[in-house]
PDB file of N, CA and C in Angstrom:
ATOM      1  N   UNK A   1       3.550   6.177 -11.878  1.00  0.00           N
ATOM      2  CA  UNK A   1       2.651   7.190 -11.370  1.00  0.00           C
ATOM      3  C   UNK A   1       3.368   8.010 -10.310  1.00  0.00           C
ATOM      4  N   UNK A   2       2.812   9.181  -9.999  1.00  0.00           N
ATOM      5  CA  UNK A   2       3.396   9.991  -8.935  1.00  0.00           C
ATOM      6  C   UNK A   2       3.097   9.341  -7.585  1.00  0.00           C
ATOM      7  N   UNK A   3       3.983   9.550  -6.620  1.00  0.00           N
ATOM      8  CA  UNK A   3       3.736   8.997  -5.284  1.00  0.00           C
ATOM      9  C   UNK A   3       2.680   9.807  -4.544  1.00  0.00           C
ATOM     10  N   UNK A   4       2.449  11.058  -4.970  1.00  0.00           N
ATOM     11  CA  UNK A   4       1.455  11.933  -4.349  1.00  0.00           C
ATOM     12  C   UNK A   4       0.896  12.862  -5.420  1.00  0.00           C
ATOM     13  N   UNK A   5      -0.357  13.226  -5.289  1.00  0.00           N
ATOM     14  CA  UNK A   5      -0.960  14.131  -6.264  1.00  0.00           C
ATOM     15  C   UNK A   5      -0.705  15.592  -5.928  1.00  0.00           C
ATOM     16  N   UNK A   6      -0.180  15.864  -4.719  1.00  0.00           N
ATOM     17  CA  UNK A   6       0.078  17.247  -4.309  1.00  0.00           C
ATOM     18  C   UNK A   6       1.359  17.342  -3.496  1.00  0.00           C
ATOM     19  N   UNK A   7       2.118  18.396  -3.757  1.00  0.00           N
ATOM     20  CA  UNK A   7       3.303  18.722  -2.971  1.00  0.00           C
ATOM     21  C   UNK A   7       3.222  20.213  -2.641  1.00  0.00           C
ATOM     22  N   UNK A   8       3.693  20.592  -1.468  1.00  0.00           N
ATOM     23  CA  UNK A   8       3.752  21.996  -1.080  1.00  0.00           C
ATOM     24  C   UNK A   8       5.170  22.305  -0.657  1.00  0.00           C
ATOM     25  N   UNK A   9       5.672  23.467  -1.109  1.00  0.00           N
ATOM     26  CA  UNK A   9       7.041  23.857  -0.797  1.00  0.00           C
ATOM     27  C   UNK A   9       7.087  25.348  -0.536  1.00  0.00           C
ATOM     28  N   UNK A  10       7.888  25.750   0.445  1.00  0.00           N
ATOM     29  CA  UNK A  10       8.122  27.162   0.697  1.00  0.00           C
ATOM     30  C   UNK A  10       9.122  27.708  -0.306  1.00  0.00           C
ATOM     31  N   UNK A  11       8.880  28.905  -0.769  1.00  0.00           N
ATOM     32  CA  UNK A  11       9.762  29.528  -1.754  1.00  0.00           C
ATOM     33  C   UNK A  11      11.219  29.553  -1.292  1.00  0.00           C
ATOM     34  N   UNK A  12      11.430  29.749  -0.003  1.00  0.00           N
ATOM     35  CA  UNK A  12      12.775  29.858   0.551  1.00  0.00           C
ATOM     36  C   UNK A  12      13.532  28.522   0.518  1.00  0.00           C
ATOM     37  N   UNK A  13      12.825  27.407   0.409  1.00  0.00           N
ATOM     38  CA  UNK A  13      13.460  26.084   0.428  1.00  0.00           C
ATOM     39  C   UNK A  13      14.362  25.891  -0.785  1.00  0.00           C
ATOM     40  N   UNK A  14      13.946  26.406  -1.942  1.00  0.00           N
ATOM     41  CA  UNK A  14      14.801  26.354  -3.122  1.00  0.00           C
ATOM     42  C   UNK A  14      14.540  25.239  -4.101  1.00  0.00           C
ATOM     43  N   UNK A  15      13.877  24.155  -3.674  1.00  0.00           N
ATOM     44  CA  UNK A  15      13.527  23.085  -4.604  1.00  0.00           C
ATOM     45  C   UNK A  15      12.460  22.196  -3.983  1.00  0.00           C
ATOM     46  N   UNK A  16      11.811  21.445  -4.844  1.00  0.00           N
ATOM     47  CA  UNK A  16      10.839  20.454  -4.398  1.00  0.00           C
ATOM     48  C   UNK A  16      11.184  19.150  -5.110  1.00  0.00           C
ATOM     49  N   UNK A  17      11.052  18.050  -4.396  1.00  0.00           N
ATOM     50  CA  UNK A  17      11.326  16.744  -4.984  1.00  0.00           C
ATOM     51  C   UNK A  17      10.012  16.048  -5.280  1.00  0.00           C
ATOM     52  N   UNK A  18       9.861  15.636  -6.529  1.00  0.00           N
ATOM     53  CA  UNK A  18       8.671  14.917  -6.974  1.00  0.00           C
ATOM     54  C   UNK A  18       9.091  13.477  -7.233  1.00  0.00           C
ATOM     55  N   UNK A  19       8.399  12.540  -6.592  1.00  0.00           N
ATOM     56  CA  UNK A  19       8.758  11.131  -6.708  1.00  0.00           C
ATOM     57  C   UNK A  19       7.783  10.402  -7.641  1.00  0.00           C
ATOM     58  N   UNK A  20       8.336   9.564  -8.486  1.00  0.00           N
ATOM     59  CA  UNK A  20       7.557   8.731  -9.404  1.00  0.00           C
ATOM     60  C   UNK A  20       7.795   7.281  -9.002  1.00  0.00           C
ATOM     61  N   UNK A  21       6.717   6.527  -8.877  1.00  0.00           N
ATOM     62  CA  UNK A  21       6.843   5.130  -8.466  1.00  0.00           C
ATOM     63  C   UNK A  21       6.406   4.200  -9.589  1.00  0.00           C
ATOM     64  N   UNK A  22       7.065   3.076  -9.661  1.00  0.00           N
ATOM     65  CA  UNK A  22       6.729   2.060 -10.654  1.00  0.00           C
ATOM     66  C   UNK A  22       5.595   1.198 -10.123  1.00  0.00           C
ATOM     67  N   UNK A  23       4.621   0.975 -10.977  1.00  0.00           N
ATOM     68  CA  UNK A  23       3.505   0.107 -10.627  1.00  0.00           C
ATOM     69  C   UNK A  23       3.623  -1.145 -11.473  1.00  0.00           C
ATOM     70  N   UNK A  24       3.663  -2.302 -10.856  1.00  0.00           N
ATOM     71  CA  UNK A  24       3.775  -3.551 -11.594  1.00  0.00           C
ATOM     72  C   UNK A  24       5.224  -3.885 -11.905  1.00  0.00           C
ATOM     73  N   UNK A  25       5.399  -4.905 -12.709  1.00  0.00           N
ATOM     74  CA  UNK A  25       6.725  -5.402 -13.072  1.00  0.00           C
ATOM     75  C   UNK A  25       7.009  -5.099 -14.530  1.00  0.00           C
ATOM     76  N   UNK A  26       8.270  -4.950 -14.862  1.00  0.00           N
ATOM     77  CA  UNK A  26       8.657  -4.798 -16.259  1.00  0.00           C
ATOM     78  C   UNK A  26       9.823  -5.736 -16.544  1.00  0.00           C
ATOM     79  N   UNK A  27       9.786  -6.325 -17.725  1.00  0.00           N
ATOM     80  CA  UNK A  27      10.812  -7.289 -18.114  1.00  0.00           C
ATOM     81  C   UNK A  27      11.996  -6.631 -18.811  1.00  0.00           C
ATOM     82  N   UNK A  28      11.870  -5.354 -19.111  1.00  0.00           N
ATOM     83  CA  UNK A  28      12.925  -4.598 -19.785  1.00  0.00           C
ATOM     84  C   UNK A  28      12.874  -3.171 -19.250  1.00  0.00           C
ATOM     85  N   UNK A  29      13.931  -2.409 -19.438  1.00  0.00           N
ATOM     86  CA  UNK A  29      13.869  -1.006 -19.023  1.00  0.00           C
ATOM     87  C   UNK A  29      12.760  -0.270 -19.782  1.00  0.00           C
ATOM     88  N   UNK A  30      12.013   0.563 -19.065  1.00  0.00           N
ATOM     89  CA  UNK A  30      10.948   1.359 -19.672  1.00  0.00           C
ATOM     90  C   UNK A  30      11.103   2.811 -19.242  1.00  0.00           C
ATOM     91  N   UNK A  31      10.546   3.712 -20.023  1.00  0.00           N
ATOM     92  CA  UNK A  31      10.681   5.119 -19.706  1.00  0.00           C
ATOM     93  C   UNK A  31       9.350   5.843 -19.696  1.00  0.00           C
ATOM     94  N   UNK A  32       9.305   6.921 -18.907  1.00  0.00           N
ATOM     95  CA  UNK A  32       8.189   7.862 -18.899  1.00  0.00           C
ATOM     96  C   UNK A  32       8.776   9.261 -18.928  1.00  0.00           C
ATOM     97  N   UNK A  33       8.003  10.197 -19.427  1.00  0.00           N
ATOM     98  CA  UNK A  33       8.442  11.587 -19.469  1.00  0.00           C
ATOM     99  C   UNK A  33       7.718  12.363 -18.389  1.00  0.00           C
ATOM    100  N   UNK A  34       8.472  13.107 -17.579  1.00  0.00           N
ATOM    101  CA  UNK A  34       7.912  14.029 -16.600  1.00  0.00           C
ATOM    102  C   UNK A  34       8.046  15.427 -17.178  1.00  0.00           C
ATOM    103  N   UNK A  35       6.934  16.132 -17.281  1.00  0.00           N
ATOM    104  CA  UNK A  35       6.930  17.504 -17.790  1.00  0.00           C
ATOM    105  C   UNK A  35       6.206  18.404 -16.805  1.00  0.00           C
ATOM    106  N   UNK A  36       6.631  19.657 -16.709  1.00  0.00           N
ATOM    107  CA  UNK A  36       5.942  20.625 -15.872  1.00  0.00           C
ATOM    108  C   UNK A  36       5.081  21.524 -16.753  1.00  0.00           C
ATOM    109  N   UNK A  37       4.027  22.062 -16.153  1.00  0.00           N
ATOM    110  CA  UNK A  37       3.089  22.946 -16.845  1.00  0.00           C
ATOM    111  C   UNK A  37       2.816  24.165 -15.985  1.00  0.00           C
ATOM    112  N   UNK A  38       2.847  25.341 -16.595  1.00  0.00           N
ATOM    113  CA  UNK A  38       2.508  26.555 -15.867  1.00  0.00           C
ATOM    114  C   UNK A  38       1.075  26.504 -15.369  1.00  0.00           C
ATOM    115  N   UNK A  39       0.874  27.066 -14.199  1.00  0.00           N
ATOM    116  CA  UNK A  39      -0.462  27.270 -13.636  1.00  0.00           C
ATOM    117  C   UNK A  39      -0.500  28.732 -13.225  1.00  0.00           C
ATOM    118  N   UNK A  40      -0.689  28.983 -11.927  1.00  0.00           N
ATOM    119  CA  UNK A  40      -0.552  30.354 -11.430  1.00  0.00           C
ATOM    120  C   UNK A  40       0.917  30.672 -11.171  1.00  0.00           C
ATOM    121  N   UNK A  41       1.754  29.652 -11.116  1.00  0.00           N
ATOM    122  CA  UNK A  41       3.214  29.816 -11.066  1.00  0.00           C
ATOM    123  C   UNK A  41       3.742  29.624 -12.487  1.00  0.00           C
ATOM    124  N   UNK A  42       4.663  30.484 -12.887  1.00  0.00           N
ATOM    125  CA  UNK A  42       5.198  30.444 -14.242  1.00  0.00           C
ATOM    126  C   UNK A  42       6.704  30.228 -14.233  1.00  0.00           C
ATOM    127  N   UNK A  43       7.173  29.403 -15.174  1.00  0.00           N
ATOM    128  CA  UNK A  43       8.612  29.237 -15.389  1.00  0.00           C
ATOM    129  C   UNK A  43       9.051  30.347 -16.334  1.00  0.00           C
ATOM    130  N   UNK A  44      10.207  30.909 -16.169  1.00  0.00           N
ATOM    131  CA  UNK A  44      11.246  30.618 -15.184  1.00  0.00           C
ATOM    132  C   UNK A  44      11.175  31.491 -13.933  1.00  0.00           C
ATOM    133  N   UNK A  45      10.215  32.397 -13.849  1.00  0.00           N
ATOM    134  CA  UNK A  45      10.161  33.324 -12.722  1.00  0.00           C
ATOM    135  C   UNK A  45       9.877  32.688 -11.381  1.00  0.00           C
ATOM    136  N   UNK A  46       9.106  31.593 -11.373  1.00  0.00           N
ATOM    137  CA  UNK A  46       8.724  30.953 -10.118  1.00  0.00           C
ATOM    138  C   UNK A  46       9.367  29.580  -9.907  1.00  0.00           C
ATOM    139  N   UNK A  47       9.666  28.876 -10.991  1.00  0.00           N
ATOM    140  CA  UNK A  47      10.276  27.548 -10.903  1.00  0.00           C
ATOM    141  C   UNK A  47      10.992  27.261 -12.218  1.00  0.00           C
ATOM    142  N   UNK A  48      11.818  26.238 -12.235  1.00  0.00           N
ATOM    143  CA  UNK A  48      12.528  25.839 -13.453  1.00  0.00           C
ATOM    144  C   UNK A  48      11.741  24.733 -14.149  1.00  0.00           C
ATOM    145  N   UNK A  49      11.326  24.995 -15.370  1.00  0.00           N
ATOM    146  CA  UNK A  49      10.552  24.016 -16.136  1.00  0.00           C
ATOM    147  C   UNK A  49      11.363  22.741 -16.348  1.00  0.00           C
ATOM    148  N   UNK A  50      10.663  21.629 -16.424  1.00  0.00           N
ATOM    149  CA  UNK A  50      11.299  20.319 -16.623  1.00  0.00           C
ATOM    150  C   UNK A  50      10.614  19.570 -17.752  1.00  0.00           C
ATOM    151  N   UNK A  51      11.370  18.863 -18.516  1.00  0.00           N
ATOM    152  CA  UNK A  51      10.870  17.822 -19.410  1.00  0.00           C
ATOM    153  C   UNK A  51      11.979  16.787 -19.413  1.00  0.00           C
ATOM    154  N   UNK A  52      11.737  15.707 -18.690  1.00  0.00           N
ATOM    155  CA  UNK A  52      12.813  14.778 -18.395  1.00  0.00           C
ATOM    156  C   UNK A  52      12.351  13.339 -18.597  1.00  0.00           C
ATOM    157  N   UNK A  53      13.187  12.552 -19.263  1.00  0.00           N
ATOM    158  CA  UNK A  53      12.911  11.134 -19.425  1.00  0.00           C
ATOM    159  C   UNK A  53      13.404  10.394 -18.186  1.00  0.00           C
ATOM    160  N   UNK A  54      12.512   9.660 -17.557  1.00  0.00           N
ATOM    161  CA  UNK A  54      12.857   8.835 -16.401  1.00  0.00           C
ATOM    162  C   UNK A  54      12.844   7.387 -16.853  1.00  0.00           C
ATOM    163  N   UNK A  55      13.934   6.681 -16.623  1.00  0.00           N
ATOM    164  CA  UNK A  55      14.028   5.286 -17.044  1.00  0.00           C
ATOM    165  C   UNK A  55      13.936   4.376 -15.823  1.00  0.00           C
ATOM    166  N   UNK A  56      13.065   3.390 -15.924  1.00  0.00           N
ATOM    167  CA  UNK A  56      12.932   2.376 -14.886  1.00  0.00           C
ATOM    168  C   UNK A  56      13.596   1.110 -15.391  1.00  0.00           C
ATOM    169  N   UNK A  57      14.699   0.713 -14.761  1.00  0.00           N
ATOM    170  CA  UNK A  57      15.274  -0.601 -15.045  1.00  0.00           C
ATOM    171  C   UNK A  57      14.398  -1.635 -14.360  1.00  0.00           C
ATOM    172  N   UNK A  58      14.635  -2.888 -14.586  1.00  0.00           N
ATOM    173  CA  UNK A  58      13.752  -3.919 -14.040  1.00  0.00           C
ATOM    174  C   UNK A  58      13.685  -3.908 -12.515  1.00  0.00           C
ATOM    175  N   UNK A  59      14.730  -3.454 -11.848  1.00  0.00           N
ATOM    176  CA  UNK A  59      14.734  -3.447 -10.383  1.00  0.00           C
ATOM    177  C   UNK A  59      14.445  -2.077  -9.777  1.00  0.00           C
ATOM    178  N   UNK A  60      14.339  -1.019 -10.593  1.00  0.00           N
ATOM    179  CA  UNK A  60      14.088   0.323 -10.062  1.00  0.00           C
ATOM    180  C   UNK A  60      12.663   0.434  -9.542  1.00  0.00           C
ATOM    181  N   UNK A  61      12.508   1.202  -8.465  1.00  0.00           N
ATOM    182  CA  UNK A  61      11.181   1.357  -7.886  1.00  0.00           C
ATOM    183  C   UNK A  61      10.678   2.792  -7.925  1.00  0.00           C
ATOM    184  N   UNK A  62      11.536   3.781  -7.644  1.00  0.00           N
ATOM    185  CA  UNK A  62      11.005   5.135  -7.528  1.00  0.00           C
ATOM    186  C   UNK A  62      12.056   6.227  -7.743  1.00  0.00           C
ATOM    187  N   UNK A  63      12.269   6.617  -9.000  1.00  0.00           N
ATOM    188  CA  UNK A  63      13.166   7.750  -9.221  1.00  0.00           C
ATOM    189  C   UNK A  63      12.481   9.052  -8.791  1.00  0.00           C
ATOM    190  N   UNK A  64      13.261  10.043  -8.469  1.00  0.00           N
ATOM    191  CA  UNK A  64      12.691  11.332  -8.093  1.00  0.00           C
ATOM    192  C   UNK A  64      13.373  12.430  -8.904  1.00  0.00           C
ATOM    193  N   UNK A  65      12.665  13.540  -9.032  1.00  0.00           N
ATOM    194  CA  UNK A  65      13.158  14.687  -9.788  1.00  0.00           C
ATOM    195  C   UNK A  65      13.095  15.900  -8.886  1.00  0.00           C
ATOM    196  N   UNK A  66      14.204  16.623  -8.779  1.00  0.00           N
ATOM    197  CA  UNK A  66      14.233  17.869  -8.018  1.00  0.00           C
ATOM    198  C   UNK A  66      13.929  19.014  -8.980  1.00  0.00           C
ATOM    199  N   UNK A  67      12.955  19.837  -8.620  1.00  0.00           N
ATOM    200  CA  UNK A  67      12.554  20.990  -9.424  1.00  0.00           C
ATOM    201  C   UNK A  67      12.930  22.238  -8.647  1.00  0.00           C
ATOM    202  N   UNK A  68      13.753  23.088  -9.254  1.00  0.00           N
ATOM    203  CA  UNK A  68      14.206  24.305  -8.587  1.00  0.00           C
ATOM    204  C   UNK A  68      13.063  25.314  -8.460  1.00  0.00           C
ATOM    205  N   UNK A  69      12.976  25.927  -7.288  1.00  0.00           N
ATOM    206  CA  UNK A  69      11.988  26.960  -6.996  1.00  0.00           C
ATOM    207  C   UNK A  69      12.731  28.283  -6.879  1.00  0.00           C
ATOM    208  N   UNK A  70      12.225  29.319  -7.569  1.00  0.00           N
ATOM    209  CA  UNK A  70      12.883  30.640  -7.551  1.00  0.00           C
ATOM    210  C   UNK A  70      12.356  31.474  -6.394  1.00  0.00           C
ATOM    211  N   UNK A  71      13.256  32.138  -5.726  1.00  0.00           N
ATOM    212  CA  UNK A  71      12.855  33.099  -4.691  1.00  0.00           C
ATOM    213  C   UNK A  71      12.849  34.463  -5.363  1.00  0.00           C
ATOM    214  N   UNK A  72      11.653  34.970  -5.652  1.00  0.00           N
ATOM    215  CA  UNK A  72      11.531  36.178  -6.468  1.00  0.00           C
ATOM    216  C   UNK A  72      11.491  37.485  -5.688  1.00  0.00           C
ATOM    217  N   UNK A  73      11.403  37.422  -4.365  1.00  0.00           N
ATOM    218  CA  UNK A  73      11.415  38.635  -3.565  1.00  0.00           C
ATOM    219  C   UNK A  73      10.100  39.403  -3.573  1.00  0.00           C
ATOM    220  N   UNK A  74       9.069  38.866  -4.186  1.00  0.00           N
ATOM    221  CA  UNK A  74       7.765  39.525  -4.246  1.00  0.00           C
ATOM    222  C   UNK A  74       6.843  38.969  -3.175  1.00  0.00           C
ATOM    223  N   UNK A  75       6.020  39.848  -2.589  1.00  0.00           N
ATOM    224  CA  UNK A  75       4.986  39.396  -1.671  1.00  0.00           C
ATOM    225  C   UNK A  75       3.793  39.015  -2.532  1.00  0.00           C
ATOM    226  N   UNK A  76       3.402  37.742  -2.460  1.00  0.00           N
ATOM    227  CA  UNK A  76       2.327  37.259  -3.328  1.00  0.00           C
ATOM    228  C   UNK A  76       1.600  36.089  -2.686  1.00  0.00           C
ATOM    229  N   UNK A  77       0.451  35.758  -3.242  1.00  0.00           N
ATOM    230  CA  UNK A  77      -0.330  34.623  -2.760  1.00  0.00           C
ATOM    231  C   UNK A  77       0.353  33.321  -3.178  1.00  0.00           C
ATOM    232  N   UNK A  78      -0.143  32.214  -2.637  1.00  0.00           N
ATOM    233  CA  UNK A  78       0.361  30.907  -3.073  1.00  0.00           C
ATOM    234  C   UNK A  78       0.195  30.771  -4.581  1.00  0.00           C
ATOM    235  N   UNK A  79       1.147  30.089  -5.190  1.00  0.00           N
ATOM    236  CA  UNK A  79       1.105  29.841  -6.624  1.00  0.00           C
ATOM    237  C   UNK A  79       1.296  28.349  -6.843  1.00  0.00           C
ATOM    238  N   UNK A  80       0.826  27.852  -7.978  1.00  0.00           N
ATOM    239  CA  UNK A  80       0.939  26.416  -8.237  1.00  0.00           C
ATOM    240  C   UNK A  80       1.290  26.156  -9.701  1.00  0.00           C
ATOM    241  N   UNK A  81       1.971  25.031  -9.910  1.00  0.00           N
ATOM    242  CA  UNK A  81       2.231  24.547 -11.264  1.00  0.00           C
ATOM    243  C   UNK A  81       1.982  23.048 -11.284  1.00  0.00           C
ATOM    244  N   UNK A  82       1.861  22.493 -12.468  1.00  0.00           N
ATOM    245  CA  UNK A  82       1.559  21.086 -12.602  1.00  0.00           C
ATOM    246  C   UNK A  82       2.750  20.278 -13.067  1.00  0.00           C
ATOM    247  N   UNK A  83       2.681  18.990 -12.810  1.00  0.00           N
ATOM    248  CA  UNK A  83       3.642  18.022 -13.337  1.00  0.00           C
ATOM    249  C   UNK A  83       2.818  16.885 -13.914  1.00  0.00           C
ATOM    250  N   UNK A  84       3.183  16.432 -15.097  1.00  0.00           N
ATOM    251  CA  UNK A  84       2.441  15.355 -15.749  1.00  0.00           C
ATOM    252  C   UNK A  84       3.395  14.280 -16.243  1.00  0.00           C
ATOM    253  N   UNK A  85       2.899  13.058 -16.291  1.00  0.00           N
ATOM    254  CA  UNK A  85       3.656  11.936 -16.834  1.00  0.00           C
ATOM    255  C   UNK A  85       3.055  11.540 -18.168  1.00  0.00           C
ATOM    256  N   UNK A  86       3.903  11.181 -19.104  1.00  0.00           N
ATOM    257  CA  UNK A  86       3.448  10.690 -20.402  1.00  0.00           C
ATOM    258  C   UNK A  86       4.381   9.583 -20.871  1.00  0.00           C
ATOM    259  N   UNK A  87       3.935   8.851 -21.851  1.00  0.00           N
ATOM    260  CA  UNK A  87       4.712   7.752 -22.411  1.00  0.00           C
ATOM    261  C   UNK A  87       5.457   8.275 -23.639  1.00  0.00           C
ATOM    262  N   UNK A  88       6.775   8.078 -23.704  1.00  0.00           N
ATOM    263  CA  UNK A  88       7.519   8.522 -24.881  1.00  0.00           C
ATOM    264  C   UNK A  88       7.084   7.788 -26.143  1.00  0.00           C
ATOM    265  N   UNK A  89       7.190   8.465 -27.260  1.00  0.00           N
ATOM    266  CA  UNK A  89       6.871   7.843 -28.534  1.00  0.00           C
ATOM    267  C   UNK A  89       7.742   6.607 -28.727  1.00  0.00           C
ATOM    268  N   UNK A  90       7.149   5.525 -29.164  1.00  0.00           N
ATOM    269  CA  UNK A  90       7.890   4.296 -29.407  1.00  0.00           C
ATOM    270  C   UNK A  90       8.072   3.416 -28.185  1.00  0.00           C
ATOM    271  N   UNK A  91       7.531   3.825 -27.044  1.00  0.00           N
ATOM    272  CA  UNK A  91       7.681   3.055 -25.794  1.00  0.00           C
ATOM    273  C   UNK A  91       6.421   2.213 -25.601  1.00  0.00           C
ATOM    274  N   UNK A  92       6.185   1.296 -26.527  1.00  0.00           N
ATOM    275  CA  UNK A  92       4.988   0.461 -26.490  1.00  0.00           C
ATOM    276  C   UNK A  92       4.938  -0.421 -25.258  1.00  0.00           C
ATOM    277  N   UNK A  93       3.739  -0.682 -24.783  1.00  0.00           N
ATOM    278  CA  UNK A  93       3.544  -1.581 -23.665  1.00  0.00           C
ATOM    279  C   UNK A  93       3.655  -0.925 -22.304  1.00  0.00           C
ATOM    280  N   UNK A  94       3.963   0.369 -22.251  1.00  0.00           N
ATOM    281  CA  UNK A  94       4.059   1.061 -20.963  1.00  0.00           C
ATOM    282  C   UNK A  94       2.679   1.586 -20.593  1.00  0.00           C
ATOM    283  N   UNK A  95       2.241   1.251 -19.391  1.00  0.00           N
ATOM    284  CA  UNK A  95       0.966   1.756 -18.890  1.00  0.00           C
ATOM    285  C   UNK A  95       1.237   2.635 -17.688  1.00  0.00           C
ATOM    286  N   UNK A  96       0.660   3.830 -17.712  1.00  0.00           N
ATOM    287  CA  UNK A  96       0.812   4.744 -16.586  1.00  0.00           C
ATOM    288  C   UNK A  96      -0.198   4.383 -15.506  1.00  0.00           C
ATOM    289  N   UNK A  97       0.168   4.616 -14.252  1.00  0.00           N
ATOM    290  CA  UNK A  97      -0.752   4.389 -13.145  1.00  0.00           C
ATOM    291  C   UNK A  97      -1.816   5.477 -13.103  1.00  0.00           C
ATOM    292  N   UNK A  98      -2.598   5.499 -12.053  1.00  0.00           N
ATOM    293  CA  UNK A  98      -3.709   6.447 -11.961  1.00  0.00           C
ATOM    294  C   UNK A  98      -3.269   7.868 -11.628  1.00  0.00           C
ATOM    295  N   UNK A  99      -2.156   8.041 -10.907  1.00  0.00           N
ATOM    296  CA  UNK A  99      -1.688   9.387 -10.554  1.00  0.00           C
ATOM    297  C   UNK A  99      -0.740   9.905 -11.633  1.00  0.00           C
ATOM    298  N   UNK A 100      -1.294  10.352 -12.742  1.00  0.00           N
ATOM    299  CA  UNK A 100      -0.501  10.838 -13.874  1.00  0.00           C
ATOM    300  C   UNK A 100      -0.231  12.330 -13.798  1.00  0.00           C
ATOM    301  N   UNK A 101      -0.938  13.021 -12.899  1.00  0.00           N
ATOM    302  CA  UNK A 101      -0.785  14.460 -12.746  1.00  0.00           C
ATOM    303  C   UNK A 101      -0.582  14.788 -11.276  1.00  0.00           C
ATOM    304  N   UNK A 102       0.241  15.795 -11.035  1.00  0.00           N
ATOM    305  CA  UNK A 102       0.468  16.265  -9.668  1.00  0.00           C
ATOM    306  C   UNK A 102       0.502  17.793  -9.684  1.00  0.00           C
ATOM    307  N   UNK A 103       0.165  18.385  -8.563  1.00  0.00           N
ATOM    308  CA  UNK A 103       0.193  19.836  -8.411  1.00  0.00           C
ATOM    309  C   UNK A 103       1.210  20.198  -7.342  1.00  0.00           C
ATOM    310  N   UNK A 104       2.067  21.161  -7.658  1.00  0.00           N
ATOM    311  CA  UNK A 104       3.043  21.669  -6.700  1.00  0.00           C
ATOM    312  C   UNK A 104       2.627  23.084  -6.321  1.00  0.00           C
ATOM    313  N   UNK A 105       2.406  23.315  -5.035  1.00  0.00           N
ATOM    314  CA  UNK A 105       2.030  24.635  -4.533  1.00  0.00           C
ATOM    315  C   UNK A 105       3.245  25.278  -3.884  1.00  0.00           C
ATOM    316  N   UNK A 106       3.505  26.514  -4.277  1.00  0.00           N
ATOM    317  CA  UNK A 106       4.630  27.288  -3.723  1.00  0.00           C
ATOM    318  C   UNK A 106       4.051  28.302  -2.757  1.00  0.00           C
ATOM    319  N   UNK A 107       4.470  28.216  -1.494  1.00  0.00           N
ATOM    320  CA  UNK A 107       4.029  29.207  -0.512  1.00  0.00           C
ATOM    321  C   UNK A 107       5.047  30.330  -0.477  1.00  0.00           C
ATOM    322  N   UNK A 108       4.558  31.541  -0.271  1.00  0.00           N
ATOM    323  CA  UNK A 108       5.407  32.728  -0.311  1.00  0.00           C
ATOM    324  C   UNK A 108       6.229  32.859   0.963  1.00  0.00           C
ATOM    325  N   UNK A 109       7.480  33.180   0.820  1.00  0.00           N
ATOM    326  CA  UNK A 109       8.375  33.358   1.957  1.00  0.00           C
ATOM    327  C   UNK A 109       8.723  34.822   2.178  1.00  0.00           C
ATOM    328  N   UNK A 110       8.123  35.725   1.396  1.00  0.00           N
ATOM    329  CA  UNK A 110       8.490  37.134   1.449  1.00  0.00           C
ATOM    330  C   UNK A 110       7.464  37.991   2.172  1.00  0.00           C
ATOM    331  N   UNK A 111       6.458  37.372   2.836  1.00  0.00           N
ATOM    332  CA  UNK A 111       5.449  38.157   3.556  1.00  0.00           C
ATOM    333  C   UNK A 111       5.970  38.563   4.911  1.00  0.00           C
TER     334      UNK A 111
END
């Protein structure tokens, strides 16, 4: 599951880190897919879209993914995009925690 359901980042920062935490124990390496979804922020103009397989080995606790944020030079309101976790096809026995979706809000740095 995600470590937080919401992240906020200034456009000027250049990236946001989204952390995924393992809930429970696993006896073998397991994977989840992190994907981004357009909201009021759109890829590639506002951020770099992601679809990434995250693998948890038996001792791993919390991998993180850095998502690039674009500085577009436009004066605009806050924008947001989503990140979701899913189970890859064929990855039986993996259960996602309760925080399967997160929202990333981009604050404007050009005002």
